[in-house]
Amino acid sequence: MTTLFHQLFSEDAIYSCIIEDDGRVAYAYLMEGKEMIGNLWLYNQEATPAVDAWREDRGTLPYLNSARYVDAQLMLKPLETPGEVEVVWEYRPNGRLHMLHLILRGTHYGVLAPHVKPGWTVAASQDGPLAQHLAGN
């Protein structure tokens, strides 16, 4: 099992994106200062469970995504280095952040937006409580 913690800052340093893989499961967090304003499940390292651990608040936090919400063919293998992560910040004309695009290993893998929880990923087979489905490019 690999672990990874990587934080990337926007050019104006108001926002950041944290990629955290604890060796079980990986998430991305959109931060405004110290406040988490968006989140997204990225992939499971442990075996994808058949049941929803969050239904009865069972299991260890953060939760693994369950099989009915995971597209196993599109789910990434664990990230190994910060160099595998790129973010593209997209701003509105008024200068506020509109969204950020997660590029993992050269693939447009997910989208986070302020105050949208959860965000979108190609690894989600359908919208669920940990990730929304992002249609492939």
Protein backbone atom coordinates (compact mmCIF):
# COMPACT_ATOMS: atom_id res chain seq x y z
CA MET A 1 0.00 0.00 0.00
CA THR A 2 1.19 3.47 -0.85
CA THR A 3 0.33 6.71 0.91
CA LEU A 4 0.40 10.23 -0.46
CA PHE A 5 -0.33 13.73 0.80
CA HIS A 6 0.07 16.55 -1.69
CA GLN A 7 -1.25 20.12 -1.60
CA LEU A 8 -1.37 22.34 -4.69
CA PHE A 9 -2.13 26.05 -4.40
CA SER A 10 -3.95 28.34 -6.79
CA GLU A 11 -1.94 31.18 -8.29
CA ASP A 12 -3.60 33.68 -5.93
CA ALA A 13 -2.96 31.32 -2.95
CA ILE A 14 -6.59 31.68 -1.82
CA TYR A 15 -7.47 28.11 -2.78
CA SER A 16 -5.70 24.80 -2.59
CA CYS A 17 -6.36 21.21 -3.51
CA ILE A 18 -5.27 18.44 -1.18
CA ILE A 19 -4.82 14.92 -2.51
CA GLU A 20 -4.72 12.44 0.37
CA ASP A 21 -4.25 8.69 0.10
CA ASP A 22 -4.02 7.04 3.52
CA GLY A 23 -3.16 3.59 2.14
CA ARG A 24 -6.84 2.50 2.16
CA VAL A 25 -8.64 5.12 0.08
CA ALA A 26 -7.88 8.40 -1.68
CA TYR A 27 -9.79 11.68 -1.65
CA ALA A 28 -9.34 15.18 -3.03
CA TYR A 29 -10.30 18.20 -0.96
CA LEU A 30 -10.88 21.73 -2.24
CA MET A 31 -9.81 24.25 0.38
CA GLU A 32 -10.43 27.98 0.74
CA GLY A 33 -7.86 28.94 3.32
CA LYS A 34 -8.37 26.37 6.08
CA GLU A 35 -12.01 25.63 5.19
CA MET A 36 -12.87 22.54 3.15
CA ILE A 37 -15.36 23.69 0.51
CA GLY A 38 -15.41 20.60 -1.72
CA ASN A 39 -14.49 16.93 -1.61
CA LEU A 40 -14.26 13.94 -3.88
CA TRP A 41 -13.53 10.23 -3.54
CA LEU A 42 -10.80 9.24 -6.01
CA TYR A 43 -10.13 5.52 -5.61
CA ASN A 44 -10.03 2.60 -3.18
CA GLN A 45 -6.78 0.85 -2.36
CA GLU A 46 -8.45 -1.76 -0.18
CA ALA A 47 -10.91 -4.13 -1.81
CA THR A 48 -14.03 -2.31 -2.94
CA PRO A 49 -16.78 -3.27 -0.49
CA ALA A 50 -20.12 -4.67 -1.63
CA VAL A 51 -21.99 -2.74 1.08
CA ASP A 52 -22.24 0.98 1.85
CA ALA A 53 -20.21 1.50 5.03
CA TRP A 54 -21.71 4.98 5.56
CA ARG A 55 -25.32 3.68 5.72
CA GLU A 56 -25.01 2.67 9.35
CA ASP A 57 -21.83 4.60 10.02
CA ARG A 58 -19.78 1.41 9.97
CA GLY A 59 -16.22 1.21 8.87
CA THR A 60 -13.26 3.49 9.12
CA LEU A 61 -13.28 7.10 7.98
CA PRO A 62 -12.76 8.18 5.31
CA TYR A 63 -15.12 5.68 3.72
CA LEU A 64 -14.27 3.37 0.86
CA ASN A 65 -16.68 3.76 -2.05
CA SER A 66 -18.90 0.72 -2.54
CA ALA A 67 -19.10 -1.45 -5.63
CA ARG A 68 -22.41 -0.12 -6.91
CA TYR A 69 -20.88 3.37 -7.29
CA VAL A 70 -17.45 2.36 -8.67
CA ASP A 71 -16.40 1.84 -12.28
CA ALA A 72 -13.55 -0.59 -11.60
CA GLN A 73 -12.28 -0.25 -15.19
CA LEU A 74 -11.73 3.51 -14.78
CA MET A 75 -10.59 3.59 -11.15
CA LEU A 76 -6.90 4.52 -10.92
CA LYS A 77 -4.24 2.40 -9.35
CA PRO A 78 -2.80 4.22 -6.33
CA LEU A 79 -0.83 7.38 -7.00
CA GLU A 80 2.83 7.07 -6.08
CA THR A 81 4.29 10.57 -6.44
CA PRO A 82 3.09 14.18 -6.40
CA GLY A 83 4.30 14.47 -10.00
CA GLU A 84 1.33 12.36 -11.10
CA VAL A 85 -1.06 15.13 -10.01
CA GLU A 86 -1.91 18.30 -11.90
CA VAL A 87 -4.76 20.74 -11.34
CA VAL A 88 -6.24 23.28 -13.72
CA TRP A 89 -7.95 26.19 -11.96
CA GLU A 90 -10.95 27.65 -13.82
CA TYR A 91 -12.19 31.09 -12.73
CA ARG A 92 -15.36 33.08 -13.41
CA PRO A 93 -15.06 36.55 -15.01
CA ASN A 94 -15.53 38.10 -11.54
CA GLY A 95 -12.35 36.35 -10.33
CA ARG A 96 -14.07 33.75 -8.13
CA LEU A 97 -13.15 30.10 -8.55
CA HIS A 98 -15.60 28.23 -10.77
CA MET A 99 -14.03 24.76 -10.60
CA LEU A 100 -10.81 22.87 -10.69
CA HIS A 101 -9.98 19.97 -12.94
CA LEU A 102 -7.94 17.08 -11.56
CA ILE A 103 -5.52 15.63 -14.06
CA LEU A 104 -4.11 12.39 -12.68
CA ARG A 105 -1.41 10.61 -14.67
CA GLY A 106 -2.32 12.75 -17.67
CA THR A 107 -6.04 11.83 -17.55
CA HIS A 108 -8.88 14.25 -16.77
CA TYR A 109 -10.03 12.29 -13.75
CA GLY A 110 -12.21 14.61 -11.70
CA VAL A 111 -13.75 18.01 -11.04
CA LEU A 112 -14.17 19.91 -7.79
CA ALA A 113 -16.25 23.05 -7.40
CA PRO A 114 -16.73 25.39 -4.45
CA HIS A 115 -19.52 24.25 -2.12
CA VAL A 116 -20.27 21.12 -4.17
CA LYS A 117 -19.91 17.95 -2.10
CA PRO A 118 -19.13 15.55 -3.57
CA GLY A 119 -17.42 16.47 -6.82
CA TRP A 120 -17.30 14.43 -10.03
CA THR A 121 -15.00 11.63 -11.20
CA VAL A 122 -14.85 9.28 -14.17
CA ALA A 123 -14.32 6.44 -11.65
CA ALA A 124 -17.89 6.80 -10.36
CA SER A 125 -20.33 4.58 -12.24
CA GLN A 126 -23.28 6.64 -10.97
CA ASP A 127 -23.92 9.56 -8.64
CA GLY A 128 -23.44 8.62 -5.00
CA PRO A 129 -22.68 10.15 -1.64
CA LEU A 130 -18.87 10.11 -2.14
CA ALA A 131 -18.62 11.06 -5.83
CA GLN A 132 -20.78 12.05 -8.76
CA HIS A 133 -20.41 10.47 -12.20
CA LEU A 134 -18.29 12.46 -14.65
CA ALA A 135 -18.79 11.41 -18.24
CA GLY A 136 -15.51 10.51 -19.97
CA ASN A 137 -13.77 12.95 -22.23
